[in-house]
Amino acid sequence: MAAGSLLLREYPTDLVRLSCEKCGRSGQYRKQKLIERYWADIRLPDLREEIAQCDRMGKMHHACMVLYVDLVPRSKRSQARPWLGAGRCDQQAGSSALAHLKT
């Protein structure tokens, strides 16, 4: 593991929630389903990039703001977008469960 980067298997809850304050997109995914799709040893920054598929990812100006809701300190949560509950990775097998975040 790279210094400072959590792995998916280390995520503290069974539900992985992401939100972007810039575009308002959000989603929640069952950790086990993400492990099945991306492996337990994927670094959370890499997973965030895979899920978000944002054109702003890696840009210095007007950067992507996707964050893990449950990893943001409670004192800063008011700055993040409210949880909308859109999209779940526990949809039927064979469906494009993450496609809603690729728009």
N, C-alpha and C. Protein backbone atom coordinates (compact mmCIF):
# COMPACT_ATOMS: atom_id res chain seq x y z
N MET A 1 0.84 -1.18 0.00
CA MET A 1 0.00 0.00 0.00
C MET A 1 0.88 1.23 0.00
N ALA A 2 0.57 2.20 -0.84
CA ALA A 2 1.28 3.47 -0.86
C ALA A 2 0.96 4.24 0.42
N ALA A 3 1.93 4.96 0.91
CA ALA A 3 1.74 5.71 2.16
C ALA A 3 0.53 6.63 2.05
N GLY A 4 -0.36 6.52 3.02
CA GLY A 4 -1.52 7.40 3.07
C GLY A 4 -2.71 6.96 2.24
N SER A 5 -2.60 5.91 1.48
CA SER A 5 -3.72 5.45 0.65
C SER A 5 -4.36 4.21 1.25
N LEU A 6 -5.63 4.31 1.58
CA LEU A 6 -6.37 3.14 2.05
C LEU A 6 -6.69 2.23 0.87
N LEU A 7 -6.84 0.96 1.16
CA LEU A 7 -7.28 0.00 0.17
C LEU A 7 -8.78 -0.22 0.36
N LEU A 8 -9.44 -0.70 -0.68
CA LEU A 8 -10.87 -0.96 -0.59
C LEU A 8 -11.20 -1.88 0.57
N ARG A 9 -10.42 -2.91 0.78
CA ARG A 9 -10.70 -3.84 1.88
C ARG A 9 -10.62 -3.16 3.24
N GLU A 10 -9.96 -2.02 3.34
CA GLU A 10 -9.82 -1.29 4.59
C GLU A 10 -10.93 -0.26 4.80
N TYR A 11 -11.80 -0.11 3.83
CA TYR A 11 -12.88 0.87 3.95
C TYR A 11 -13.70 0.54 5.20
N PRO A 12 -14.04 1.53 6.02
CA PRO A 12 -14.62 1.26 7.34
C PRO A 12 -16.06 0.77 7.38
N THR A 13 -16.80 0.88 6.30
CA THR A 13 -18.20 0.44 6.31
C THR A 13 -18.48 -0.50 5.15
N ASP A 14 -19.62 -1.20 5.22
CA ASP A 14 -20.02 -2.11 4.14
C ASP A 14 -20.63 -1.37 2.96
N LEU A 15 -20.98 -0.12 3.15
CA LEU A 15 -21.55 0.70 2.09
C LEU A 15 -20.56 1.82 1.77
N VAL A 16 -20.11 1.89 0.53
CA VAL A 16 -19.16 2.90 0.09
C VAL A 16 -19.96 4.01 -0.59
N ARG A 17 -19.90 5.21 -0.01
CA ARG A 17 -20.67 6.33 -0.55
C ARG A 17 -19.72 7.39 -1.10
N LEU A 18 -20.04 7.89 -2.30
CA LEU A 18 -19.27 8.95 -2.94
C LEU A 18 -20.18 10.10 -3.30
N SER A 19 -19.61 11.30 -3.35
CA SER A 19 -20.38 12.48 -3.72
C SER A 19 -19.43 13.51 -4.33
N CYS A 20 -19.94 14.30 -5.27
CA CYS A 20 -19.16 15.37 -5.88
C CYS A 20 -19.89 16.69 -5.65
N GLU A 21 -19.22 17.62 -4.99
CA GLU A 21 -19.86 18.91 -4.72
C GLU A 21 -19.91 19.81 -5.95
N LYS A 22 -19.08 19.54 -6.95
CA LYS A 22 -19.09 20.38 -8.16
C LYS A 22 -20.26 20.05 -9.08
N CYS A 23 -20.46 18.77 -9.33
CA CYS A 23 -21.51 18.41 -10.30
C CYS A 23 -22.77 17.86 -9.64
N GLY A 24 -22.71 17.57 -8.34
CA GLY A 24 -23.89 17.10 -7.63
C GLY A 24 -24.18 15.61 -7.77
N ARG A 25 -23.31 14.88 -8.47
CA ARG A 25 -23.52 13.44 -8.59
C ARG A 25 -23.14 12.74 -7.30
N SER A 26 -23.81 11.64 -7.03
CA SER A 26 -23.47 10.84 -5.86
C SER A 26 -23.90 9.41 -6.12
N GLY A 27 -23.35 8.51 -5.34
CA GLY A 27 -23.70 7.10 -5.48
C GLY A 27 -23.28 6.33 -4.26
N GLN A 28 -23.89 5.18 -4.08
CA GLN A 28 -23.50 4.29 -2.99
C GLN A 28 -23.39 2.88 -3.54
N TYR A 29 -22.42 2.16 -3.01
CA TYR A 29 -22.09 0.85 -3.54
C TYR A 29 -21.78 -0.10 -2.39
N ARG A 30 -22.20 -1.31 -2.51
CA ARG A 30 -21.86 -2.32 -1.50
C ARG A 30 -20.38 -2.66 -1.69
N LYS A 31 -19.65 -2.61 -0.59
CA LYS A 31 -18.21 -2.86 -0.65
C LYS A 31 -17.90 -4.22 -1.26
N GLN A 32 -18.66 -5.24 -0.91
CA GLN A 32 -18.41 -6.58 -1.44
C GLN A 32 -18.55 -6.62 -2.97
N LYS A 33 -19.54 -5.91 -3.50
CA LYS A 33 -19.71 -5.87 -4.96
C LYS A 33 -18.54 -5.15 -5.63
N LEU A 34 -18.03 -4.09 -4.99
CA LEU A 34 -16.87 -3.39 -5.53
C LEU A 34 -15.64 -4.27 -5.48
N ILE A 35 -15.49 -5.04 -4.41
CA ILE A 35 -14.35 -5.97 -4.30
C ILE A 35 -14.42 -7.01 -5.42
N GLU A 36 -15.61 -7.52 -5.70
CA GLU A 36 -15.78 -8.50 -6.78
C GLU A 36 -15.41 -7.90 -8.13
N ARG A 37 -15.71 -6.64 -8.32
CA ARG A 37 -15.45 -6.00 -9.61
C ARG A 37 -14.03 -5.45 -9.74
N TYR A 38 -13.49 -4.85 -8.67
CA TYR A 38 -12.20 -4.15 -8.74
C TYR A 38 -11.09 -4.76 -7.87
N TRP A 39 -11.39 -5.79 -7.08
CA TRP A 39 -10.44 -6.44 -6.17
C TRP A 39 -10.30 -5.65 -4.87
N ALA A 40 -9.98 -6.36 -3.82
CA ALA A 40 -9.90 -5.80 -2.47
C ALA A 40 -8.69 -4.89 -2.29
N ASP A 41 -7.65 -5.07 -3.11
CA ASP A 41 -6.42 -4.32 -2.94
C ASP A 41 -6.33 -3.06 -3.80
N ILE A 42 -7.42 -2.65 -4.42
CA ILE A 42 -7.39 -1.41 -5.19
C ILE A 42 -7.31 -0.24 -4.21
N ARG A 43 -6.45 0.72 -4.51
CA ARG A 43 -6.32 1.91 -3.67
C ARG A 43 -7.57 2.78 -3.85
N LEU A 44 -8.05 3.38 -2.77
CA LEU A 44 -9.26 4.19 -2.84
C LEU A 44 -9.16 5.34 -3.85
N PRO A 45 -8.01 6.03 -3.98
CA PRO A 45 -7.94 7.05 -5.03
C PRO A 45 -8.14 6.48 -6.44
N ASP A 46 -7.61 5.28 -6.67
CA ASP A 46 -7.78 4.63 -7.98
C ASP A 46 -9.22 4.20 -8.20
N LEU A 47 -9.86 3.68 -7.15
CA LEU A 47 -11.26 3.28 -7.25
C LEU A 47 -12.15 4.48 -7.53
N ARG A 48 -11.89 5.57 -6.85
CA ARG A 48 -12.67 6.80 -7.06
C ARG A 48 -12.58 7.23 -8.52
N GLU A 49 -11.40 7.16 -9.10
CA GLU A 49 -11.23 7.53 -10.50
C GLU A 49 -11.98 6.58 -11.43
N GLU A 50 -11.93 5.29 -11.12
CA GLU A 50 -12.65 4.29 -11.93
C GLU A 50 -14.16 4.52 -11.89
N ILE A 51 -14.69 4.82 -10.72
CA ILE A 51 -16.13 4.99 -10.58
C ILE A 51 -16.59 6.30 -11.19
N ALA A 52 -15.90 7.38 -10.90
CA ALA A 52 -16.35 8.70 -11.32
C ALA A 52 -16.24 8.91 -12.83
N GLN A 53 -15.16 8.42 -13.45
CA GLN A 53 -14.94 8.63 -14.89
C GLN A 53 -15.13 10.10 -15.25
N CYS A 54 -14.56 10.98 -14.44
CA CYS A 54 -14.74 12.43 -14.60
C CYS A 54 -13.66 13.02 -15.51
N ASP A 55 -14.07 13.90 -16.41
CA ASP A 55 -13.13 14.57 -17.30
C ASP A 55 -12.19 15.50 -16.54
N ARG A 56 -12.59 15.91 -15.35
CA ARG A 56 -11.78 16.83 -14.55
C ARG A 56 -10.69 16.11 -13.74
N MET A 57 -10.73 14.79 -13.67
CA MET A 57 -9.79 14.02 -12.87
C MET A 57 -8.36 14.34 -13.28
N GLY A 58 -7.52 14.68 -12.33
CA GLY A 58 -6.11 14.97 -12.58
C GLY A 58 -5.81 16.37 -13.04
N LYS A 59 -6.80 17.22 -13.22
CA LYS A 59 -6.57 18.60 -13.65
C LYS A 59 -6.26 19.47 -12.45
N MET A 60 -5.39 20.41 -12.63
CA MET A 60 -5.01 21.31 -11.55
C MET A 60 -6.08 22.36 -11.29
N HIS A 61 -6.66 22.91 -12.35
CA HIS A 61 -7.68 23.94 -12.22
C HIS A 61 -9.04 23.33 -12.49
N HIS A 62 -10.02 23.67 -11.68
CA HIS A 62 -11.37 23.16 -11.82
C HIS A 62 -11.36 21.63 -11.73
N ALA A 63 -10.66 21.13 -10.72
CA ALA A 63 -10.46 19.69 -10.55
C ALA A 63 -11.73 18.97 -10.10
N CYS A 64 -11.73 17.67 -10.31
CA CYS A 64 -12.82 16.81 -9.85
C CYS A 64 -12.86 16.85 -8.32
N MET A 65 -14.07 16.86 -7.76
CA MET A 65 -14.23 16.95 -6.30
C MET A 65 -14.90 15.71 -5.70
N VAL A 66 -14.87 14.57 -6.41
CA VAL A 66 -15.48 13.36 -5.89
C VAL A 66 -14.76 12.95 -4.61
N LEU A 67 -15.56 12.67 -3.58
CA LEU A 67 -14.98 12.26 -2.30
C LEU A 67 -15.78 11.13 -1.69
N TYR A 68 -15.13 10.43 -0.78
CA TYR A 68 -15.79 9.36 -0.03
C TYR A 68 -16.50 10.00 1.16
N VAL A 69 -17.81 10.01 1.13
CA VAL A 69 -18.61 10.71 2.14
C VAL A 69 -18.25 10.26 3.55
N ASP A 70 -18.07 8.98 3.77
CA ASP A 70 -17.82 8.47 5.11
C ASP A 70 -16.39 8.69 5.59
N LEU A 71 -15.51 9.18 4.72
CA LEU A 71 -14.14 9.46 5.12
C LEU A 71 -13.90 10.94 5.35
N VAL A 72 -14.90 11.77 5.11
CA VAL A 72 -14.81 13.20 5.35
C VAL A 72 -15.12 13.45 6.82
N PRO A 73 -14.28 14.19 7.53
CA PRO A 73 -14.59 14.49 8.93
C PRO A 73 -15.97 15.13 9.07
N ARG A 74 -16.70 14.76 10.09
CA ARG A 74 -18.06 15.26 10.29
C ARG A 74 -18.13 16.78 10.25
N SER A 75 -17.11 17.45 10.74
CA SER A 75 -17.12 18.91 10.75
C SER A 75 -17.09 19.51 9.35
N LYS A 76 -16.63 18.74 8.37
CA LYS A 76 -16.56 19.23 6.99
C LYS A 76 -17.68 18.69 6.11
N ARG A 77 -18.53 17.81 6.65
CA ARG A 77 -19.58 17.21 5.83
C ARG A 77 -20.59 18.22 5.33
N SER A 78 -20.80 19.29 6.04
CA SER A 78 -21.76 20.29 5.58
C SER A 78 -21.30 20.96 4.30
N GLN A 79 -20.00 20.87 4.01
CA GLN A 79 -19.48 21.45 2.78
C GLN A 79 -19.69 20.51 1.59
N ALA A 80 -19.87 19.23 1.86
CA ALA A 80 -20.08 18.26 0.78
C ALA A 80 -21.55 18.26 0.37
N ARG A 81 -21.81 17.78 -0.82
CA ARG A 81 -23.18 17.70 -1.31
C ARG A 81 -24.00 16.76 -0.44
N PRO A 82 -25.28 17.03 -0.23
CA PRO A 82 -26.12 16.10 0.51
C PRO A 82 -26.20 14.76 -0.20
N TRP A 83 -26.40 13.73 0.56
CA TRP A 83 -26.46 12.39 0.01
C TRP A 83 -27.74 12.20 -0.77
N LEU A 84 -27.63 11.84 -2.04
CA LEU A 84 -28.79 11.68 -2.89
C LEU A 84 -29.19 10.22 -3.06
N GLY A 85 -28.27 9.29 -2.79
CA GLY A 85 -28.58 7.87 -2.88
C GLY A 85 -28.73 7.33 -4.29
N ALA A 86 -28.23 8.04 -5.28
CA ALA A 86 -28.38 7.59 -6.66
C ALA A 86 -27.42 6.46 -6.98
N GLY A 87 -27.91 5.45 -7.66
CA GLY A 87 -27.08 4.38 -8.17
C GLY A 87 -26.56 3.44 -7.11
N ARG A 88 -26.68 2.17 -7.35
CA ARG A 88 -26.19 1.18 -6.42
C ARG A 88 -25.47 0.08 -7.19
N CYS A 89 -24.41 -0.42 -6.61
CA CYS A 89 -23.64 -1.48 -7.25
C CYS A 89 -24.27 -2.85 -7.00
N ASP A 90 -25.37 -2.90 -6.26
CA ASP A 90 -26.00 -4.19 -5.97
C ASP A 90 -27.18 -4.44 -6.91
N GLN A 91 -27.15 -3.82 -8.09
CA GLN A 91 -28.19 -4.05 -9.07
C GLN A 91 -28.04 -5.46 -9.63
N GLN A 92 -28.97 -5.84 -10.47
CA GLN A 92 -28.96 -7.19 -11.03
C GLN A 92 -27.65 -7.48 -11.74
N ALA A 93 -27.22 -8.72 -11.65
CA ALA A 93 -26.00 -9.14 -12.33
C ALA A 93 -26.14 -8.88 -13.83
N GLY A 94 -25.06 -8.40 -14.42
CA GLY A 94 -25.06 -8.14 -15.85
C GLY A 94 -25.47 -6.73 -16.20
N SER A 95 -26.02 -6.00 -15.26
CA SER A 95 -26.40 -4.61 -15.56
C SER A 95 -25.18 -3.73 -15.44
N SER A 96 -25.23 -2.59 -16.03
CA SER A 96 -24.14 -1.63 -15.95
C SER A 96 -24.34 -0.78 -14.71
N ALA A 97 -24.00 -1.32 -13.56
CA ALA A 97 -24.30 -0.70 -12.27
C ALA A 97 -23.59 0.63 -12.08
N LEU A 98 -22.44 0.84 -12.69
CA LEU A 98 -21.71 2.07 -12.47
C LEU A 98 -21.88 3.06 -13.61
N ALA A 99 -22.65 2.72 -14.62
CA ALA A 99 -22.76 3.56 -15.81
C ALA A 99 -23.34 4.93 -15.50
N HIS A 100 -24.17 5.04 -14.47
CA HIS A 100 -24.79 6.34 -14.18
C HIS A 100 -23.76 7.39 -13.78
N LEU A 101 -22.61 7.00 -13.31
CA LEU A 101 -21.56 7.95 -12.95
C LEU A 101 -20.62 8.24 -14.09
N LYS A 102 -20.81 7.61 -15.22
CA LYS A 102 -19.93 7.81 -16.37
C LYS A 102 -20.48 8.82 -17.34
N THR A 103 -21.51 9.54 -16.96
CA THR A 103 -22.09 10.52 -17.88
C THR A 103 -21.38 11.83 -17.81
